[in-house]
């Protein structure tokens, strides 16, 4: 029991110290990560370094670059979007070169790092929209993995010392839940 507790504690510490992937590194220690602040600053944010994440809404490949329309969501210190948080405002990210639309398809989680290069007008459906534009220097796609977590703790609540009654005598319950985890 003590080993499991210690292993869980060490795992929690290592996950808590997770670093930002190299593809999302910036020259500043604290890039702008709040899309609301970016929308409020408008053209005043031009030149600022950002690290923004969210869900891909659309992709378009042009002759020399790819435009990603991203619906922002809060990101953690490790750069991973938090899918359990509410979706926020949109922004456009331009990445040099070609990105495969089957890999960067709408609905995928992504984080981009780069500099704000201005704004552009567009539409979301029939609604006119002003997108902050990021010239991306790095991108990171994420996967959402579903895990089943079981709580078997009640099963051993009738144990006394090293003695535990046989399974068919115990009346503990097993509870479970499905959790989503964002990974590389």
N, C-alpha and C. Protein backbone atom coordinates (compact mmCIF):
# COMPACT_ATOMS: atom_id res chain seq x y z
N UNK A 1 0.83 -1.19 0.00
CA UNK A 1 0.00 0.00 0.00
C UNK A 1 0.87 1.26 0.00
N UNK A 2 1.91 1.24 0.86
CA UNK A 2 2.80 2.39 0.94
C UNK A 2 3.52 2.61 -0.39
N UNK A 3 3.92 1.52 -1.05
CA UNK A 3 4.60 1.65 -2.34
C UNK A 3 3.71 2.32 -3.38
N UNK A 4 2.44 1.92 -3.40
CA UNK A 4 1.51 2.51 -4.37
C UNK A 4 1.32 3.99 -4.09
N UNK A 5 1.20 4.34 -2.82
CA UNK A 5 1.04 5.74 -2.44
C UNK A 5 2.26 6.55 -2.84
N UNK A 6 3.45 6.02 -2.56
CA UNK A 6 4.68 6.71 -2.91
C UNK A 6 4.83 6.84 -4.43
N UNK A 7 4.51 5.77 -5.17
CA UNK A 7 4.58 5.83 -6.64
C UNK A 7 3.61 6.87 -7.19
N UNK A 8 2.40 6.92 -6.64
CA UNK A 8 1.42 7.91 -7.08
C UNK A 8 1.87 9.32 -6.79
N UNK A 9 2.47 9.54 -5.62
CA UNK A 9 2.97 10.86 -5.25
C UNK A 9 4.09 11.29 -6.18
N UNK A 10 5.04 10.39 -6.45
CA UNK A 10 6.14 10.72 -7.36
C UNK A 10 5.64 11.00 -8.77
N UNK A 11 4.67 10.21 -9.24
CA UNK A 11 4.09 10.45 -10.55
C UNK A 11 3.44 11.82 -10.61
N UNK A 12 2.70 12.17 -9.57
CA UNK A 12 2.06 13.49 -9.50
C UNK A 12 3.05 14.62 -9.54
N UNK A 13 4.18 14.44 -8.84
CA UNK A 13 5.20 15.48 -8.84
C UNK A 13 5.82 15.62 -10.22
N UNK A 14 6.13 14.49 -10.88
CA UNK A 14 6.74 14.55 -12.21
C UNK A 14 5.79 15.15 -13.23
N UNK A 15 4.49 14.82 -13.16
CA UNK A 15 3.53 15.38 -14.09
C UNK A 15 3.38 16.88 -13.82
N UNK A 16 3.40 17.28 -12.56
CA UNK A 16 3.28 18.69 -12.21
C UNK A 16 4.45 19.52 -12.71
N UNK A 17 5.60 18.90 -12.89
CA UNK A 17 6.79 19.60 -13.37
C UNK A 17 6.97 19.46 -14.87
N UNK A 18 5.93 19.04 -15.56
CA UNK A 18 6.04 18.81 -17.00
C UNK A 18 6.42 20.11 -17.70
N UNK A 19 7.31 20.00 -18.64
CA UNK A 19 7.80 21.16 -19.36
C UNK A 19 7.03 21.35 -20.66
N UNK A 20 7.13 22.54 -21.18
CA UNK A 20 6.54 22.86 -22.48
C UNK A 20 7.36 22.15 -23.56
N UNK A 21 6.70 21.50 -24.53
CA UNK A 21 7.46 20.84 -25.60
C UNK A 21 8.35 21.84 -26.34
N UNK A 22 9.44 21.33 -26.89
CA UNK A 22 10.41 22.19 -27.57
C UNK A 22 9.77 22.97 -28.73
N UNK A 23 8.79 22.37 -29.39
CA UNK A 23 8.14 23.04 -30.52
C UNK A 23 7.38 24.29 -30.08
N UNK A 24 7.09 24.42 -28.80
CA UNK A 24 6.31 25.56 -28.31
C UNK A 24 7.15 26.54 -27.49
N UNK A 25 8.46 26.38 -27.51
CA UNK A 25 9.33 27.28 -26.76
C UNK A 25 9.29 28.68 -27.38
N UNK A 26 9.42 29.68 -26.55
CA UNK A 26 9.46 31.08 -26.99
C UNK A 26 10.71 31.74 -26.42
N UNK A 27 11.05 32.90 -26.93
CA UNK A 27 12.23 33.61 -26.42
C UNK A 27 11.94 34.30 -25.10
N UNK A 28 10.67 34.60 -24.82
CA UNK A 28 10.31 35.22 -23.54
C UNK A 28 9.86 34.13 -22.57
N UNK A 29 10.06 34.38 -21.29
CA UNK A 29 9.66 33.41 -20.26
C UNK A 29 8.16 33.36 -20.06
N UNK A 30 7.49 34.46 -20.32
CA UNK A 30 6.04 34.52 -20.08
C UNK A 30 5.31 35.06 -21.31
N UNK A 31 5.13 34.23 -22.34
CA UNK A 31 4.37 34.69 -23.51
C UNK A 31 2.89 34.87 -23.14
N UNK A 32 2.20 35.65 -23.92
CA UNK A 32 0.78 35.87 -23.71
C UNK A 32 0.02 34.57 -23.99
N UNK A 33 -0.79 34.13 -23.03
CA UNK A 33 -1.55 32.88 -23.18
C UNK A 33 -3.05 33.10 -23.06
N UNK A 34 -3.46 34.33 -22.88
CA UNK A 34 -4.88 34.64 -22.67
C UNK A 34 -5.47 35.26 -23.94
N UNK A 35 -6.34 34.51 -24.61
CA UNK A 35 -6.94 34.99 -25.86
C UNK A 35 -7.83 36.22 -25.63
N UNK A 36 -8.45 36.32 -24.47
CA UNK A 36 -9.32 37.47 -24.18
C UNK A 36 -8.48 38.75 -24.14
N UNK A 37 -7.33 38.68 -23.51
CA UNK A 37 -6.43 39.85 -23.47
C UNK A 37 -5.95 40.20 -24.87
N UNK A 38 -5.69 39.19 -25.68
CA UNK A 38 -5.25 39.43 -27.06
C UNK A 38 -6.34 40.13 -27.86
N UNK A 39 -7.59 39.71 -27.71
CA UNK A 39 -8.71 40.36 -28.40
C UNK A 39 -8.86 41.80 -27.94
N UNK A 40 -8.68 42.03 -26.63
CA UNK A 40 -8.86 43.39 -26.10
C UNK A 40 -7.75 44.32 -26.57
N UNK A 41 -6.52 43.80 -26.69
CA UNK A 41 -5.40 44.64 -27.11
C UNK A 41 -5.46 44.98 -28.60
N UNK A 42 -6.07 44.11 -29.39
CA UNK A 42 -6.19 44.35 -30.83
C UNK A 42 -4.84 44.56 -31.48
N UNK A 43 -4.68 45.67 -32.21
CA UNK A 43 -3.43 45.92 -32.93
C UNK A 43 -2.28 46.30 -32.01
N UNK A 44 -2.57 46.64 -30.76
CA UNK A 44 -1.50 46.95 -29.81
C UNK A 44 -0.67 45.72 -29.46
N UNK A 45 -1.22 44.53 -29.71
CA UNK A 45 -0.52 43.29 -29.38
C UNK A 45 0.47 42.86 -30.46
N UNK A 46 0.51 43.58 -31.58
CA UNK A 46 1.40 43.20 -32.68
C UNK A 46 2.85 43.11 -32.19
N UNK A 47 3.49 41.99 -32.51
CA UNK A 47 4.88 41.76 -32.11
C UNK A 47 5.03 40.97 -30.83
N UNK A 48 3.98 40.87 -30.03
CA UNK A 48 4.07 40.12 -28.78
C UNK A 48 4.15 38.62 -29.05
N UNK A 49 4.92 37.92 -28.22
CA UNK A 49 4.98 36.47 -28.33
C UNK A 49 3.79 35.87 -27.60
N UNK A 50 3.23 34.82 -28.21
CA UNK A 50 2.07 34.15 -27.64
C UNK A 50 2.27 32.64 -27.66
N UNK A 51 1.54 31.98 -26.78
CA UNK A 51 1.40 30.53 -26.80
C UNK A 51 -0.09 30.30 -26.53
N UNK A 52 -0.80 29.90 -27.58
CA UNK A 52 -2.25 29.75 -27.50
C UNK A 52 -2.65 28.35 -27.95
N UNK A 53 -3.65 27.81 -27.30
CA UNK A 53 -4.11 26.48 -27.67
C UNK A 53 -5.61 26.45 -27.82
N UNK A 54 -6.08 25.37 -28.41
CA UNK A 54 -7.52 25.21 -28.57
C UNK A 54 -7.82 24.09 -29.54
N UNK A 55 -8.96 24.23 -30.21
CA UNK A 55 -9.47 23.22 -31.13
C UNK A 55 -9.49 23.78 -32.55
N UNK A 56 -8.99 23.00 -33.49
CA UNK A 56 -8.98 23.44 -34.88
C UNK A 56 -10.41 23.51 -35.40
N UNK A 57 -10.79 24.67 -35.97
CA UNK A 57 -12.11 24.84 -36.55
C UNK A 57 -12.06 24.71 -38.07
N UNK A 58 -10.94 25.13 -38.68
CA UNK A 58 -10.81 25.06 -40.14
C UNK A 58 -9.33 25.12 -40.51
N UNK A 59 -9.02 24.57 -41.69
CA UNK A 59 -7.66 24.59 -42.22
C UNK A 59 -7.74 24.93 -43.71
N UNK A 60 -6.78 25.76 -44.15
CA UNK A 60 -6.70 26.11 -45.57
C UNK A 60 -5.23 26.20 -45.96
N UNK A 61 -4.84 25.43 -46.95
CA UNK A 61 -3.48 25.48 -47.46
C UNK A 61 -3.42 26.46 -48.62
N UNK A 62 -2.51 27.43 -48.52
CA UNK A 62 -2.25 28.37 -49.60
C UNK A 62 -0.94 27.95 -50.29
N UNK A 63 -0.46 28.75 -51.18
CA UNK A 63 0.73 28.39 -51.96
C UNK A 63 1.98 28.22 -51.08
N UNK A 64 2.15 29.07 -50.07
CA UNK A 64 3.38 29.01 -49.26
C UNK A 64 3.15 28.79 -47.77
N UNK A 65 1.90 28.85 -47.34
CA UNK A 65 1.61 28.71 -45.92
C UNK A 65 0.24 28.08 -45.70
N UNK A 66 -0.01 27.70 -44.45
CA UNK A 66 -1.29 27.11 -44.08
C UNK A 66 -1.95 27.99 -43.04
N UNK A 67 -3.24 28.24 -43.24
CA UNK A 67 -4.01 29.02 -42.27
C UNK A 67 -4.84 28.07 -41.43
N UNK A 68 -4.67 28.16 -40.12
CA UNK A 68 -5.47 27.39 -39.17
C UNK A 68 -6.39 28.35 -38.43
N UNK A 69 -7.67 28.05 -38.44
CA UNK A 69 -8.61 28.80 -37.61
C UNK A 69 -8.81 27.98 -36.35
N UNK A 70 -8.53 28.58 -35.21
CA UNK A 70 -8.53 27.85 -33.94
C UNK A 70 -9.48 28.52 -32.97
N UNK A 71 -10.31 27.70 -32.32
CA UNK A 71 -11.17 28.18 -31.24
C UNK A 71 -10.37 27.97 -29.96
N UNK A 72 -10.00 29.05 -29.32
CA UNK A 72 -9.11 28.98 -28.17
C UNK A 72 -9.77 28.37 -26.94
N UNK A 73 -8.94 27.74 -26.13
CA UNK A 73 -9.34 27.28 -24.80
C UNK A 73 -8.13 27.50 -23.89
N UNK A 74 -8.36 27.59 -22.59
CA UNK A 74 -7.23 27.80 -21.68
C UNK A 74 -6.20 26.67 -21.84
N UNK A 75 -4.93 27.01 -21.61
CA UNK A 75 -3.87 26.00 -21.65
C UNK A 75 -3.19 25.94 -20.30
N UNK A 76 -2.58 24.81 -20.02
CA UNK A 76 -1.82 24.64 -18.79
C UNK A 76 -0.40 25.16 -18.94
N UNK A 77 0.39 25.06 -17.87
CA UNK A 77 1.78 25.50 -17.91
C UNK A 77 2.60 24.67 -18.89
N UNK A 78 2.13 23.47 -19.20
CA UNK A 78 2.82 22.59 -20.14
C UNK A 78 2.39 22.85 -21.58
N UNK A 79 1.49 23.80 -21.80
CA UNK A 79 1.04 24.16 -23.14
C UNK A 79 -0.15 23.36 -23.63
N UNK A 80 -0.61 22.38 -22.86
CA UNK A 80 -1.73 21.54 -23.29
C UNK A 80 -3.06 22.26 -23.10
N UNK A 81 -3.92 22.21 -24.11
CA UNK A 81 -5.27 22.77 -23.93
C UNK A 81 -6.02 21.98 -22.86
N UNK A 82 -6.93 22.67 -22.20
CA UNK A 82 -7.73 22.03 -21.15
C UNK A 82 -9.13 21.79 -21.72
N UNK A 83 -9.40 20.56 -22.21
CA UNK A 83 -10.68 20.30 -22.86
C UNK A 83 -11.88 20.37 -21.93
N UNK A 84 -11.66 20.35 -20.62
CA UNK A 84 -12.77 20.45 -19.68
C UNK A 84 -13.17 21.90 -19.43
N UNK A 85 -12.44 22.85 -20.01
CA UNK A 85 -12.75 24.27 -19.87
C UNK A 85 -13.58 24.73 -21.07
N UNK A 86 -14.26 25.85 -20.90
CA UNK A 86 -15.12 26.38 -21.95
C UNK A 86 -14.30 26.89 -23.14
N UNK A 87 -14.85 26.70 -24.33
CA UNK A 87 -14.22 27.27 -25.53
C UNK A 87 -14.32 28.78 -25.46
N UNK A 88 -13.31 29.45 -26.02
CA UNK A 88 -13.26 30.90 -25.96
C UNK A 88 -13.34 31.48 -27.37
N UNK A 89 -12.69 32.60 -27.58
CA UNK A 89 -12.74 33.28 -28.87
C UNK A 89 -11.81 32.62 -29.89
N UNK A 90 -11.95 33.01 -31.14
CA UNK A 90 -11.17 32.42 -32.22
C UNK A 90 -9.96 33.27 -32.56
N UNK A 91 -8.98 32.61 -33.17
CA UNK A 91 -7.84 33.32 -33.74
C UNK A 91 -7.37 32.53 -34.96
N UNK A 92 -6.57 33.21 -35.79
CA UNK A 92 -6.02 32.56 -36.98
C UNK A 92 -4.52 32.42 -36.78
N UNK A 93 -4.00 31.25 -37.13
CA UNK A 93 -2.56 31.01 -37.05
C UNK A 93 -2.06 30.64 -38.44
N UNK A 94 -1.00 31.29 -38.87
CA UNK A 94 -0.38 30.99 -40.17
C UNK A 94 0.92 30.25 -39.92
N UNK A 95 1.04 29.09 -40.54
CA UNK A 95 2.21 28.23 -40.40
C UNK A 95 2.88 28.15 -41.77
N UNK A 96 4.20 28.35 -41.83
CA UNK A 96 4.92 28.24 -43.10
C UNK A 96 4.84 26.83 -43.64
N UNK A 97 4.60 26.72 -44.93
CA UNK A 97 4.58 25.41 -45.59
C UNK A 97 3.22 24.75 -45.57
N UNK A 98 3.24 23.48 -45.92
CA UNK A 98 2.02 22.68 -46.09
C UNK A 98 1.77 21.85 -44.84
N UNK A 99 0.54 21.87 -44.36
CA UNK A 99 0.11 20.97 -43.29
C UNK A 99 -0.96 20.04 -43.85
N UNK A 100 -0.82 18.77 -43.60
CA UNK A 100 -1.75 17.77 -44.11
C UNK A 100 -3.13 17.94 -43.45
N UNK A 101 -4.17 18.25 -44.24
CA UNK A 101 -5.50 18.46 -43.68
C UNK A 101 -6.08 17.23 -42.97
N UNK A 102 -5.65 16.04 -43.37
CA UNK A 102 -6.16 14.84 -42.69
C UNK A 102 -5.56 14.71 -41.29
N UNK A 103 -4.38 15.26 -41.09
CA UNK A 103 -3.75 15.22 -39.77
C UNK A 103 -4.22 16.40 -38.93
N UNK A 104 -4.32 17.57 -39.54
CA UNK A 104 -4.74 18.79 -38.84
C UNK A 104 -6.21 19.06 -39.11
N UNK A 105 -7.03 18.08 -38.86
CA UNK A 105 -8.45 18.20 -39.20
C UNK A 105 -9.23 18.91 -38.09
N UNK A 106 -10.36 19.52 -38.45
CA UNK A 106 -11.20 20.19 -37.45
C UNK A 106 -11.56 19.22 -36.32
N UNK A 107 -11.52 19.77 -35.11
CA UNK A 107 -11.82 18.99 -33.92
C UNK A 107 -10.58 18.55 -33.15
N UNK A 108 -9.39 18.60 -33.79
CA UNK A 108 -8.15 18.22 -33.10
C UNK A 108 -7.70 19.33 -32.17
N UNK A 109 -7.08 18.94 -31.06
CA UNK A 109 -6.51 19.92 -30.14
C UNK A 109 -5.12 20.30 -30.61
N UNK A 110 -4.80 21.58 -30.48
CA UNK A 110 -3.52 22.11 -30.98
C UNK A 110 -3.08 23.27 -30.10
N UNK A 111 -1.78 23.47 -30.04
CA UNK A 111 -1.21 24.66 -29.41
C UNK A 111 -0.20 25.24 -30.40
N UNK A 112 -0.19 26.56 -30.51
CA UNK A 112 0.76 27.24 -31.38
C UNK A 112 1.55 28.26 -30.57
N UNK A 113 2.79 28.46 -30.97
CA UNK A 113 3.63 29.51 -30.39
C UNK A 113 4.07 30.40 -31.54
N UNK A 114 4.19 31.68 -31.27
CA UNK A 114 4.61 32.60 -32.32
C UNK A 114 4.42 34.04 -31.90
N UNK A 115 4.31 34.90 -32.90
CA UNK A 115 4.14 36.33 -32.65
C UNK A 115 2.85 36.82 -33.30
N UNK A 116 2.22 37.78 -32.64
CA UNK A 116 1.01 38.41 -33.17
C UNK A 116 1.43 39.29 -34.34
N UNK A 117 0.76 39.09 -35.48
CA UNK A 117 1.12 39.89 -36.66
C UNK A 117 0.00 40.84 -37.08
N UNK A 118 -1.08 40.90 -36.34
CA UNK A 118 -2.16 41.83 -36.67
C UNK A 118 -3.52 41.19 -36.50
N UNK A 119 -4.48 41.69 -37.28
CA UNK A 119 -5.84 41.15 -37.26
C UNK A 119 -6.31 40.99 -38.71
N UNK A 120 -7.34 40.18 -38.89
CA UNK A 120 -7.96 40.06 -40.21
C UNK A 120 -9.45 39.87 -40.04
N UNK A 121 -10.20 40.41 -40.98
CA UNK A 121 -11.66 40.28 -40.95
C UNK A 121 -12.07 38.99 -41.63
N UNK A 122 -13.11 38.39 -41.11
CA UNK A 122 -13.66 37.17 -41.69
C UNK A 122 -15.07 36.97 -41.20
N UNK A 123 -15.55 35.77 -41.35
CA UNK A 123 -16.91 35.47 -40.90
C UNK A 123 -16.93 34.09 -40.27
N UNK A 124 -17.78 33.95 -39.26
CA UNK A 124 -18.11 32.66 -38.68
C UNK A 124 -19.58 32.47 -39.03
N UNK A 125 -19.85 31.65 -40.03
CA UNK A 125 -21.19 31.59 -40.59
C UNK A 125 -21.48 32.92 -41.27
N UNK A 126 -22.57 33.56 -40.88
CA UNK A 126 -22.89 34.88 -41.41
C UNK A 126 -22.44 36.01 -40.49
N UNK A 127 -21.85 35.66 -39.36
CA UNK A 127 -21.44 36.64 -38.37
C UNK A 127 -20.06 37.21 -38.71
N UNK A 128 -19.93 38.54 -38.86
CA UNK A 128 -18.61 39.12 -39.13
C UNK A 128 -17.71 38.97 -37.90
N UNK A 129 -16.46 38.62 -38.14
CA UNK A 129 -15.55 38.32 -37.03
C UNK A 129 -14.18 38.93 -37.30
N UNK A 130 -13.55 39.47 -36.27
CA UNK A 130 -12.20 40.03 -36.36
C UNK A 130 -11.25 39.07 -35.66
N UNK A 131 -10.39 38.41 -36.43
CA UNK A 131 -9.46 37.41 -35.91
C UNK A 131 -8.12 38.04 -35.55
N UNK A 132 -7.62 37.82 -34.34
CA UNK A 132 -6.21 38.11 -34.10
C UNK A 132 -5.40 37.11 -34.93
N UNK A 133 -4.29 37.54 -35.50
CA UNK A 133 -3.48 36.67 -36.37
C UNK A 133 -2.13 36.40 -35.70
N UNK A 134 -1.76 35.13 -35.67
CA UNK A 134 -0.49 34.70 -35.11
C UNK A 134 0.35 34.09 -36.23
N UNK A 135 1.57 34.58 -36.38
CA UNK A 135 2.54 33.96 -37.29
C UNK A 135 3.25 32.89 -36.45
N UNK A 136 2.88 31.63 -36.68
CA UNK A 136 3.35 30.53 -35.82
C UNK A 136 4.79 30.16 -36.11
N UNK A 137 5.56 30.01 -35.04
CA UNK A 137 6.92 29.50 -35.15
C UNK A 137 6.97 28.03 -34.72
N UNK A 138 5.91 27.58 -34.05
CA UNK A 138 5.85 26.18 -33.62
C UNK A 138 4.42 25.74 -33.40
N UNK A 139 4.16 24.48 -33.69
CA UNK A 139 2.83 23.90 -33.47
C UNK A 139 2.98 22.55 -32.79
N UNK A 140 1.99 22.21 -32.01
CA UNK A 140 1.96 20.91 -31.35
C UNK A 140 0.53 20.38 -31.38
N UNK A 141 0.35 19.24 -32.04
CA UNK A 141 -0.95 18.57 -32.01
C UNK A 141 -1.02 17.71 -30.77
N UNK A 142 -2.22 17.57 -30.22
CA UNK A 142 -2.44 16.78 -29.02
C UNK A 142 -3.48 15.70 -29.30
N UNK A 143 -3.43 14.67 -28.50
CA UNK A 143 -4.44 13.62 -28.56
C UNK A 143 -5.16 13.57 -27.23
N UNK A 144 -6.43 13.24 -27.28
CA UNK A 144 -7.21 13.06 -26.06
C UNK A 144 -7.35 11.55 -25.86
N UNK A 145 -6.84 11.08 -24.76
CA UNK A 145 -6.94 9.65 -24.43
C UNK A 145 -7.95 9.49 -23.32
N UNK A 146 -8.79 8.50 -23.48
CA UNK A 146 -9.76 8.21 -22.42
C UNK A 146 -9.22 7.07 -21.57
N UNK A 147 -9.30 7.25 -20.26
CA UNK A 147 -8.83 6.25 -19.33
C UNK A 147 -9.97 5.90 -18.38
N UNK A 148 -10.02 4.65 -17.97
CA UNK A 148 -11.01 4.22 -16.99
C UNK A 148 -10.31 4.17 -15.63
N UNK A 149 -10.84 4.90 -14.67
CA UNK A 149 -10.30 4.94 -13.32
C UNK A 149 -11.25 4.18 -12.41
N UNK A 150 -10.73 3.18 -11.71
CA UNK A 150 -11.54 2.40 -10.78
C UNK A 150 -11.12 2.72 -9.36
N UNK A 151 -12.10 2.87 -8.50
CA UNK A 151 -11.87 3.10 -7.08
C UNK A 151 -12.25 1.81 -6.36
N UNK A 152 -11.27 1.04 -5.99
CA UNK A 152 -11.47 -0.25 -5.34
C UNK A 152 -11.24 -0.16 -3.84
N UNK A 153 -11.14 1.05 -3.31
CA UNK A 153 -10.75 1.24 -1.93
C UNK A 153 -11.73 0.58 -0.95
N UNK A 154 -13.03 0.65 -1.23
CA UNK A 154 -14.03 0.08 -0.32
C UNK A 154 -13.86 -1.42 -0.16
N UNK A 155 -13.29 -2.07 -1.14
CA UNK A 155 -13.14 -3.50 -1.09
C UNK A 155 -12.31 -3.97 0.08
N UNK A 156 -11.35 -3.16 0.53
CA UNK A 156 -10.43 -3.56 1.58
C UNK A 156 -10.76 -2.90 2.92
N UNK A 157 -11.93 -2.29 3.02
CA UNK A 157 -12.27 -1.60 4.26
C UNK A 157 -12.58 -2.57 5.40
N UNK A 158 -12.82 -3.83 5.10
CA UNK A 158 -13.12 -4.81 6.15
C UNK A 158 -11.89 -5.61 6.55
N UNK A 159 -10.73 -5.25 6.04
CA UNK A 159 -9.51 -5.97 6.38
C UNK A 159 -9.05 -5.56 7.77
N UNK A 160 -8.55 -6.53 8.52
CA UNK A 160 -8.00 -6.28 9.84
C UNK A 160 -6.56 -6.78 9.82
N UNK A 161 -5.61 -5.84 9.92
CA UNK A 161 -4.21 -6.22 9.83
C UNK A 161 -3.91 -6.82 8.47
N UNK A 162 -3.29 -7.98 8.46
CA UNK A 162 -2.95 -8.65 7.21
C UNK A 162 -4.08 -9.55 6.73
N UNK A 163 -5.14 -9.71 7.54
CA UNK A 163 -6.24 -10.61 7.17
C UNK A 163 -7.33 -9.84 6.43
N UNK A 164 -7.69 -10.31 5.26
CA UNK A 164 -8.82 -9.78 4.50
C UNK A 164 -9.75 -10.95 4.22
N UNK A 165 -11.04 -10.79 4.49
CA UNK A 165 -11.97 -11.88 4.19
C UNK A 165 -11.98 -12.18 2.70
N UNK A 166 -12.37 -13.39 2.30
CA UNK A 166 -12.46 -13.73 0.88
C UNK A 166 -13.37 -12.76 0.13
N UNK A 167 -13.15 -12.65 -1.17
CA UNK A 167 -13.88 -11.70 -2.01
C UNK A 167 -15.38 -11.87 -1.88
N UNK A 168 -15.90 -13.09 -1.85
CA UNK A 168 -17.34 -13.30 -1.82
C UNK A 168 -17.97 -12.90 -0.50
N UNK A 169 -17.15 -12.67 0.54
CA UNK A 169 -17.69 -12.24 1.82
C UNK A 169 -17.69 -10.72 1.92
N UNK A 170 -16.75 -10.07 1.27
CA UNK A 170 -16.67 -8.61 1.33
C UNK A 170 -17.87 -7.97 0.64
N UNK A 171 -18.29 -6.83 1.14
CA UNK A 171 -19.44 -6.17 0.53
C UNK A 171 -19.07 -4.79 -0.02
N UNK A 172 -17.80 -4.55 -0.32
CA UNK A 172 -17.37 -3.26 -0.86
C UNK A 172 -17.84 -3.08 -2.29
N UNK A 173 -17.82 -1.84 -2.73
CA UNK A 173 -18.25 -1.51 -4.08
C UNK A 173 -17.06 -1.01 -4.88
N UNK A 174 -17.12 -1.23 -6.16
CA UNK A 174 -16.13 -0.68 -7.06
C UNK A 174 -16.79 0.44 -7.84
N UNK A 175 -16.19 1.62 -7.78
CA UNK A 175 -16.70 2.76 -8.54
C UNK A 175 -15.73 3.07 -9.65
N UNK A 176 -16.23 3.53 -10.74
CA UNK A 176 -15.36 3.87 -11.86
C UNK A 176 -15.82 5.13 -12.56
N UNK A 177 -14.91 5.73 -13.27
CA UNK A 177 -15.24 6.88 -14.09
C UNK A 177 -14.29 6.92 -15.28
N UNK A 178 -14.71 7.59 -16.32
CA UNK A 178 -13.87 7.76 -17.51
C UNK A 178 -13.31 9.17 -17.47
N UNK A 179 -12.00 9.26 -17.52
CA UNK A 179 -11.33 10.56 -17.51
C UNK A 179 -10.62 10.74 -18.84
N UNK A 180 -10.56 12.00 -19.28
CA UNK A 180 -9.84 12.30 -20.51
C UNK A 180 -8.51 12.97 -20.15
N UNK A 181 -7.46 12.58 -20.87
CA UNK A 181 -6.13 13.11 -20.62
C UNK A 181 -5.55 13.53 -21.97
N UNK A 182 -4.95 14.72 -22.00
CA UNK A 182 -4.34 15.24 -23.23
C UNK A 182 -2.87 14.81 -23.25
N UNK A 183 -2.46 14.19 -24.37
CA UNK A 183 -1.07 13.72 -24.52
C UNK A 183 -0.52 14.14 -25.88
N UNK A 184 0.76 13.90 -26.07
CA UNK A 184 1.40 14.19 -27.36
C UNK A 184 0.82 13.32 -28.44
